């Protein structure tokens, strides 16, 4: 029967490696989901913002400003 220290030396790196793999997989999944969620939240605002900017630039080019 091997001493407990030798078994721990073998088991700990394997468990650490598996845990790091699982953590990396989870982080990758959650980061991809959070990016999608953030993009989903931001995209309507960015579309509105771009539309508003283009509308402002169009009106400022098309019509003379007041006081001119």
PDB file of N, CA and C in Angstrom:
ATOM      1  N   UNK A   1       0.858  -1.197   0.000  1.00  0.00           N
ATOM      2  CA  UNK A   1       0.000   0.000   0.000  1.00  0.00           C
ATOM      3  C   UNK A   1       0.893   1.246   0.000  1.00  0.00           C
ATOM      4  N   UNK A   2       0.759   2.094  -1.019  1.00  0.00           N
ATOM      5  CA  UNK A   2       1.635   3.277  -1.097  1.00  0.00           C
ATOM      6  C   UNK A   2       1.254   4.303  -0.031  1.00  0.00           C
ATOM      7  N   UNK A   3       2.183   5.125   0.372  1.00  0.00           N
ATOM      8  CA  UNK A   3       1.862   6.176   1.331  1.00  0.00           C
ATOM      9  C   UNK A   3       0.888   7.184   0.724  1.00  0.00           C
ATOM     10  N   UNK A   4       0.169   7.856   1.614  1.00  0.00           N
ATOM     11  CA  UNK A   4      -0.877   8.778   1.157  1.00  0.00           C
ATOM     12  C   UNK A   4      -0.280   9.927   0.345  1.00  0.00           C
ATOM     13  N   UNK A   5       0.926  10.359   0.703  1.00  0.00           N
ATOM     14  CA  UNK A   5       1.566  11.484   0.009  1.00  0.00           C
ATOM     15  C   UNK A   5       1.760  11.206  -1.467  1.00  0.00           C
ATOM     16  N   UNK A   6       2.203   9.974  -1.811  1.00  0.00           N
ATOM     17  CA  UNK A   6       2.446   9.636  -3.206  1.00  0.00           C
ATOM     18  C   UNK A   6       1.136   9.643  -3.997  1.00  0.00           C
ATOM     19  N   UNK A   7       0.076   9.091  -3.396  1.00  0.00           N
ATOM     20  CA  UNK A   7      -1.215   9.086  -4.072  1.00  0.00           C
ATOM     21  C   UNK A   7      -1.732  10.503  -4.302  1.00  0.00           C
ATOM     22  N   UNK A   8      -1.549  11.368  -3.293  1.00  0.00           N
ATOM     23  CA  UNK A   8      -2.003  12.751  -3.429  1.00  0.00           C
ATOM     24  C   UNK A   8      -1.216  13.465  -4.513  1.00  0.00           C
ATOM     25  N   UNK A   9       0.078  13.146  -4.614  1.00  0.00           N
ATOM     26  CA  UNK A   9       0.919  13.775  -5.638  1.00  0.00           C
ATOM     27  C   UNK A   9       0.420  13.415  -7.036  1.00  0.00           C
ATOM     28  N   UNK A  10      -0.067  12.171  -7.192  1.00  0.00           N
ATOM     29  CA  UNK A  10      -0.574  11.750  -8.503  1.00  0.00           C
ATOM     30  C   UNK A  10      -1.965  12.313  -8.751  1.00  0.00           C
ATOM     31  N   UNK A  11      -2.827  12.292  -7.729  1.00  0.00           N
ATOM     32  CA  UNK A  11      -4.234  12.636  -7.939  1.00  0.00           C
ATOM     33  C   UNK A  11      -4.437  14.145  -8.066  1.00  0.00           C
ATOM     34  N   UNK A  12      -3.712  14.927  -7.273  1.00  0.00           N
ATOM     35  CA  UNK A  12      -3.958  16.369  -7.249  1.00  0.00           C
ATOM     36  C   UNK A  12      -3.748  17.052  -8.604  1.00  0.00           C
ATOM     37  N   UNK A  13      -2.647  16.786  -9.307  1.00  0.00           N
ATOM     38  CA  UNK A  13      -2.495  17.446 -10.615  1.00  0.00           C
ATOM     39  C   UNK A  13      -3.586  17.046 -11.603  1.00  0.00           C
ATOM     40  N   UNK A  14      -3.999  15.766 -11.552  1.00  0.00           N
ATOM     41  CA  UNK A  14      -5.053  15.310 -12.463  1.00  0.00           C
ATOM     42  C   UNK A  14      -6.354  16.033 -12.159  1.00  0.00           C
ATOM     43  N   UNK A  15      -6.700  16.111 -10.863  1.00  0.00           N
ATOM     44  CA  UNK A  15      -7.919  16.827 -10.485  1.00  0.00           C
ATOM     45  C   UNK A  15      -7.815  18.301 -10.846  1.00  0.00           C
ATOM     46  N   UNK A  16      -6.651  18.901 -10.607  1.00  0.00           N
ATOM     47  CA  UNK A  16      -6.457  20.308 -10.950  1.00  0.00           C
ATOM     48  C   UNK A  16      -6.598  20.533 -12.445  1.00  0.00           C
ATOM     49  N   UNK A  17      -6.042  19.614 -13.243  1.00  0.00           N
ATOM     50  CA  UNK A  17      -6.125  19.729 -14.699  1.00  0.00           C
ATOM     51  C   UNK A  17      -7.581  19.631 -15.163  1.00  0.00           C
ATOM     52  N   UNK A  18      -8.305  18.630 -14.615  1.00  0.00           N
ATOM     53  CA  UNK A  18      -9.714  18.474 -14.984  1.00  0.00           C
ATOM     54  C   UNK A  18     -10.524  19.696 -14.556  1.00  0.00           C
ATOM     55  N   UNK A  19     -10.249  20.199 -13.339  1.00  0.00           N
ATOM     56  CA  UNK A  19     -10.977  21.371 -12.860  1.00  0.00           C
ATOM     57  C   UNK A  19     -10.695  22.575 -13.741  1.00  0.00           C
ATOM     58  N   UNK A  20      -9.434  22.730 -14.173  1.00  0.00           N
ATOM     59  CA  UNK A  20      -9.103  23.873 -15.030  1.00  0.00           C
ATOM     60  C   UNK A  20      -9.778  23.738 -16.397  1.00  0.00           C
ATOM     61  N   UNK A  21      -9.866  22.499 -16.916  1.00  0.00           N
ATOM     62  CA  UNK A  21     -10.565  22.279 -18.182  1.00  0.00           C
ATOM     63  C   UNK A  21     -12.040  22.664 -18.057  1.00  0.00           C
ATOM     64  N   UNK A  22     -12.671  22.184 -16.977  1.00  0.00           N
ATOM     65  CA  UNK A  22     -14.089  22.488 -16.765  1.00  0.00           C
ATOM     66  C   UNK A  22     -14.286  23.987 -16.586  1.00  0.00           C
ATOM     67  N   UNK A  23     -13.399  24.617 -15.818  1.00  0.00           N
ATOM     68  CA  UNK A  23     -13.517  26.055 -15.584  1.00  0.00           C
ATOM     69  C   UNK A  23     -13.347  26.826 -16.885  1.00  0.00           C
ATOM     70  N   UNK A  24     -12.372  26.402 -17.708  1.00  0.00           N
ATOM     71  CA  UNK A  24     -12.147  27.088 -18.981  1.00  0.00           C
ATOM     72  C   UNK A  24     -13.365  26.928 -19.889  1.00  0.00           C
ATOM     73  N   UNK A  25     -13.934  25.731 -19.907  1.00  0.00           N
ATOM     74  CA  UNK A  25     -15.124  25.499 -20.727  1.00  0.00           C
ATOM     75  C   UNK A  25     -16.276  26.371 -20.247  1.00  0.00           C
ATOM     76  N   UNK A  26     -16.492  26.421 -18.923  1.00  0.00           N
ATOM     77  CA  UNK A  26     -17.573  27.233 -18.369  1.00  0.00           C
ATOM     78  C   UNK A  26     -17.354  28.710 -18.657  1.00  0.00           C
ATOM     79  N   UNK A  27     -16.102  29.172 -18.481  1.00  0.00           N
ATOM     80  CA  UNK A  27     -15.805  30.585 -18.724  1.00  0.00           C
ATOM     81  C   UNK A  27     -16.048  30.916 -20.189  1.00  0.00           C
ATOM     82  N   UNK A  28     -15.638  30.003 -21.074  1.00  0.00           N
ATOM     83  CA  UNK A  28     -15.826  30.254 -22.505  1.00  0.00           C
ATOM     84  C   UNK A  28     -17.314  30.346 -22.832  1.00  0.00           C
ATOM     85  N   UNK A  29     -18.109  29.416 -22.290  1.00  0.00           N
ATOM     86  CA  UNK A  29     -19.553  29.409 -22.563  1.00  0.00           C
ATOM     87  C   UNK A  29     -20.197  30.681 -22.019  1.00  0.00           C
ATOM     88  N   UNK A  30     -19.882  31.012 -20.759  1.00  0.00           N
ATOM     89  CA  UNK A  30     -20.530  32.176 -20.156  1.00  0.00           C
ATOM     90  C   UNK A  30     -20.089  33.462 -20.832  1.00  0.00           C
ATOM     91  N   UNK A  31     -18.807  33.547 -21.231  1.00  0.00           N
ATOM     92  CA  UNK A  31     -18.353  34.774 -21.882  1.00  0.00           C
ATOM     93  C   UNK A  31     -19.026  34.918 -23.243  1.00  0.00           C
ATOM     94  N   UNK A  32     -19.164  33.815 -23.977  1.00  0.00           N
ATOM     95  CA  UNK A  32     -19.848  33.881 -25.263  1.00  0.00           C
ATOM     96  C   UNK A  32     -21.301  34.293 -25.070  1.00  0.00           C
ATOM     97  N   UNK A  33     -21.956  33.723 -24.046  1.00  0.00           N
ATOM     98  CA  UNK A  33     -23.347  34.080 -23.787  1.00  0.00           C
ATOM     99  C   UNK A  33     -23.457  35.538 -23.373  1.00  0.00           C
ATOM    100  N   UNK A  34     -22.546  36.010 -22.515  1.00  0.00           N
ATOM    101  CA  UNK A  34     -22.625  37.395 -22.056  1.00  0.00           C
ATOM    102  C   UNK A  34     -22.369  38.347 -23.216  1.00  0.00           C
ATOM    103  N   UNK A  35     -21.460  37.964 -24.123  1.00  0.00           N
ATOM    104  CA  UNK A  35     -21.221  38.804 -25.295  1.00  0.00           C
ATOM    105  C   UNK A  35     -22.480  38.880 -26.143  1.00  0.00           C
ATOM    106  N   UNK A  36     -23.145  37.732 -26.334  1.00  0.00           N
ATOM    107  CA  UNK A  36     -24.382  37.729 -27.107  1.00  0.00           C
ATOM    108  C   UNK A  36     -25.456  38.560 -26.431  1.00  0.00           C
ATOM    109  N   UNK A  37     -25.570  38.423 -25.098  1.00  0.00           N
ATOM    110  CA  UNK A  37     -26.586  39.177 -24.367  1.00  0.00           C
ATOM    111  C   UNK A  37     -26.297  40.670 -24.461  1.00  0.00           C
ATOM    112  N   UNK A  38     -25.020  41.046 -24.248  1.00  0.00           N
ATOM    113  CA  UNK A  38     -24.647  42.458 -24.324  1.00  0.00           C
ATOM    114  C   UNK A  38     -24.897  42.990 -25.726  1.00  0.00           C
ATOM    115  N   UNK A  39     -24.533  42.215 -26.744  1.00  0.00           N
ATOM    116  CA  UNK A  39     -24.757  42.630 -28.125  1.00  0.00           C
ATOM    117  C   UNK A  39     -26.250  42.774 -28.398  1.00  0.00           C
ATOM    118  N   UNK A  40     -27.037  41.832 -27.861  1.00  0.00           N
ATOM    119  CA  UNK A  40     -28.484  41.867 -28.049  1.00  0.00           C
ATOM    120  C   UNK A  40     -29.088  43.094 -27.389  1.00  0.00           C
ATOM    121  N   UNK A  41     -28.537  43.480 -26.223  1.00  0.00           N
ATOM    122  CA  UNK A  41     -29.034  44.666 -25.527  1.00  0.00           C
ATOM    123  C   UNK A  41     -28.569  45.936 -26.231  1.00  0.00           C
ATOM    124  N   UNK A  42     -27.310  45.952 -26.681  1.00  0.00           N
ATOM    125  CA  UNK A  42     -26.722  47.183 -27.226  1.00  0.00           C
ATOM    126  C   UNK A  42     -27.198  47.438 -28.654  1.00  0.00           C
ATOM    127  N   UNK A  43     -27.404  46.389 -29.445  1.00  0.00           N
ATOM    128  CA  UNK A  43     -27.655  46.595 -30.865  1.00  0.00           C
ATOM    129  C   UNK A  43     -28.877  47.485 -31.153  1.00  0.00           C
ATOM    130  N   UNK A  44     -30.019  47.340 -30.464  1.00  0.00           N
ATOM    131  CA  UNK A  44     -31.109  48.282 -30.728  1.00  0.00           C
ATOM    132  C   UNK A  44     -30.722  49.719 -30.413  1.00  0.00           C
ATOM    133  N   UNK A  45     -30.004  49.918 -29.303  1.00  0.00           N
ATOM    134  CA  UNK A  45     -29.576  51.269 -28.944  1.00  0.00           C
ATOM    135  C   UNK A  45     -28.614  51.820 -29.992  1.00  0.00           C
ATOM    136  N   UNK A  46     -27.683  50.982 -30.465  1.00  0.00           N
ATOM    137  CA  UNK A  46     -26.716  51.460 -31.454  1.00  0.00           C
ATOM    138  C   UNK A  46     -27.425  51.772 -32.772  1.00  0.00           C
ATOM    139  N   UNK A  47     -28.411  50.960 -33.144  1.00  0.00           N
ATOM    140  CA  UNK A  47     -29.168  51.234 -34.370  1.00  0.00           C
ATOM    141  C   UNK A  47     -29.919  52.557 -34.226  1.00  0.00           C
ATOM    142  N   UNK A  48     -30.572  52.754 -33.080  1.00  0.00           N
ATOM    143  CA  UNK A  48     -31.266  54.016 -32.836  1.00  0.00           C
ATOM    144  C   UNK A  48     -30.291  55.181 -32.852  1.00  0.00           C
ATOM    145  N   UNK A  49     -29.118  54.989 -32.221  1.00  0.00           N
ATOM    146  CA  UNK A  49     -28.116  56.050 -32.145  1.00  0.00           C
ATOM    147  C   UNK A  49     -27.617  56.417 -33.541  1.00  0.00           C
ATOM    148  N   UNK A  50     -27.325  55.388 -34.364  1.00  0.00           N
ATOM    149  CA  UNK A  50     -26.855  55.632 -35.731  1.00  0.00           C
ATOM    150  C   UNK A  50     -27.955  56.316 -36.536  1.00  0.00           C
ATOM    151  N   UNK A  51     -29.200  55.861 -36.364  1.00  0.00           N
ATOM    152  CA  UNK A  51     -30.322  56.465 -37.067  1.00  0.00           C
ATOM    153  C   UNK A  51     -30.478  57.927 -36.674  1.00  0.00           C
ATOM    154  N   UNK A  52     -30.363  58.204 -35.357  1.00  0.00           N
ATOM    155  CA  UNK A  52     -30.483  59.569 -34.870  1.00  0.00           C
ATOM    156  C   UNK A  52     -29.357  60.438 -35.413  1.00  0.00           C
ATOM    157  N   UNK A  53     -28.146  59.902 -35.413  1.00  0.00           N
ATOM    158  CA  UNK A  53     -27.010  60.660 -35.939  1.00  0.00           C
ATOM    159  C   UNK A  53     -27.194  60.954 -37.425  1.00  0.00           C
ATOM    160  N   UNK A  54     -27.611  59.947 -38.182  1.00  0.00           N
ATOM    161  CA  UNK A  54     -27.783  60.155 -39.617  1.00  0.00           C
ATOM    162  C   UNK A  54     -28.915  61.146 -39.867  1.00  0.00           C
ATOM    163  N   UNK A  55     -29.964  61.074 -39.053  1.00  0.00           N
ATOM    164  CA  UNK A  55     -31.074  62.014 -39.184  1.00  0.00           C
ATOM    165  C   UNK A  55     -30.602  63.428 -38.878  1.00  0.00           C
ATOM    166  N   UNK A  56     -29.812  63.590 -37.812  1.00  0.00           N
ATOM    167  CA  UNK A  56     -29.290  64.910 -37.459  1.00  0.00           C
ATOM    168  C   UNK A  56     -28.387  65.453 -38.558  1.00  0.00           C
ATOM    169  N   UNK A  57     -27.506  64.617 -39.079  1.00  0.00           N
ATOM    170  CA  UNK A  57     -26.593  65.085 -40.126  1.00  0.00           C
ATOM    171  C   UNK A  57     -27.383  65.427 -41.386  1.00  0.00           C
ATOM    172  N   UNK A  58     -28.415  64.636 -41.684  1.00  0.00           N
ATOM    173  CA  UNK A  58     -29.240  64.897 -42.862  1.00  0.00           C
ATOM    174  C   UNK A  58     -29.973  66.221 -42.714  1.00  0.00           C
ATOM    175  N   UNK A  59     -30.569  66.447 -41.537  1.00  0.00           N
ATOM    176  CA  UNK A  59     -31.316  67.686 -41.338  1.00  0.00           C
ATOM    177  C   UNK A  59     -30.373  68.882 -41.301  1.00  0.00           C
ATOM    178  N   UNK A  60     -29.186  68.733 -40.729  1.00  0.00           N
ATOM    179  CA  UNK A  60     -28.262  69.856 -40.663  1.00  0.00           C
ATOM    180  C   UNK A  60     -27.703  70.185 -42.047  1.00  0.00           C
ATOM    181  N   UNK A  61     -27.552  69.154 -42.915  1.00  0.00           N
ATOM    182  CA  UNK A  61     -27.093  69.415 -44.281  1.00  0.00           C
ATOM    183  C   UNK A  61     -28.242  69.969 -45.118  1.00  0.00           C
ATOM    184  N   UNK A  62     -29.414  69.386 -44.960  1.00  0.00           N
ATOM    185  CA  UNK A  62     -30.544  69.727 -45.831  1.00  0.00           C
ATOM    186  C   UNK A  62     -31.125  71.100 -45.547  1.00  0.00           C
ATOM    187  N   UNK A  63     -31.225  71.486 -44.296  1.00  0.00           N
ATOM    188  CA  UNK A  63     -31.870  72.748 -43.954  1.00  0.00           C
ATOM    189  C   UNK A  63     -30.850  73.729 -43.383  1.00  0.00           C
ATOM    190  N   UNK A  64     -30.995  74.991 -43.679  1.00  0.00           N
ATOM    191  CA  UNK A  64     -30.126  75.990 -43.054  1.00  0.00           C
ATOM    192  C   UNK A  64     -30.432  76.124 -41.571  1.00  0.00           C
ATOM    193  N   UNK A  65     -29.377  76.339 -40.788  1.00  0.00           N
ATOM    194  CA  UNK A  65     -29.565  76.489 -39.350  1.00  0.00           C
ATOM    195  C   UNK A  65     -30.222  77.830 -39.039  1.00  0.00           C
ATOM    196  N   UNK A  66     -30.857  77.894 -37.867  1.00  0.00           N
ATOM    197  CA  UNK A  66     -31.491  79.136 -37.460  1.00  0.00           C
ATOM    198  C   UNK A  66     -30.437  80.191 -37.162  1.00  0.00           C
ATOM    199  N   UNK A  67     -30.756  81.433 -37.528  1.00  0.00           N
ATOM    200  CA  UNK A  67     -29.836  82.524 -37.254  1.00  0.00           C
ATOM    201  C   UNK A  67     -28.841  82.755 -38.373  1.00  0.00           C
ATOM    202  N   UNK A  68     -28.957  82.002 -39.479  1.00  0.00           N
ATOM    203  CA  UNK A  68     -28.040  82.246 -40.601  1.00  0.00           C
ATOM    204  C   UNK A  68     -28.693  83.151 -41.621  1.00  0.00           C
TER     205      UNK A  68
END
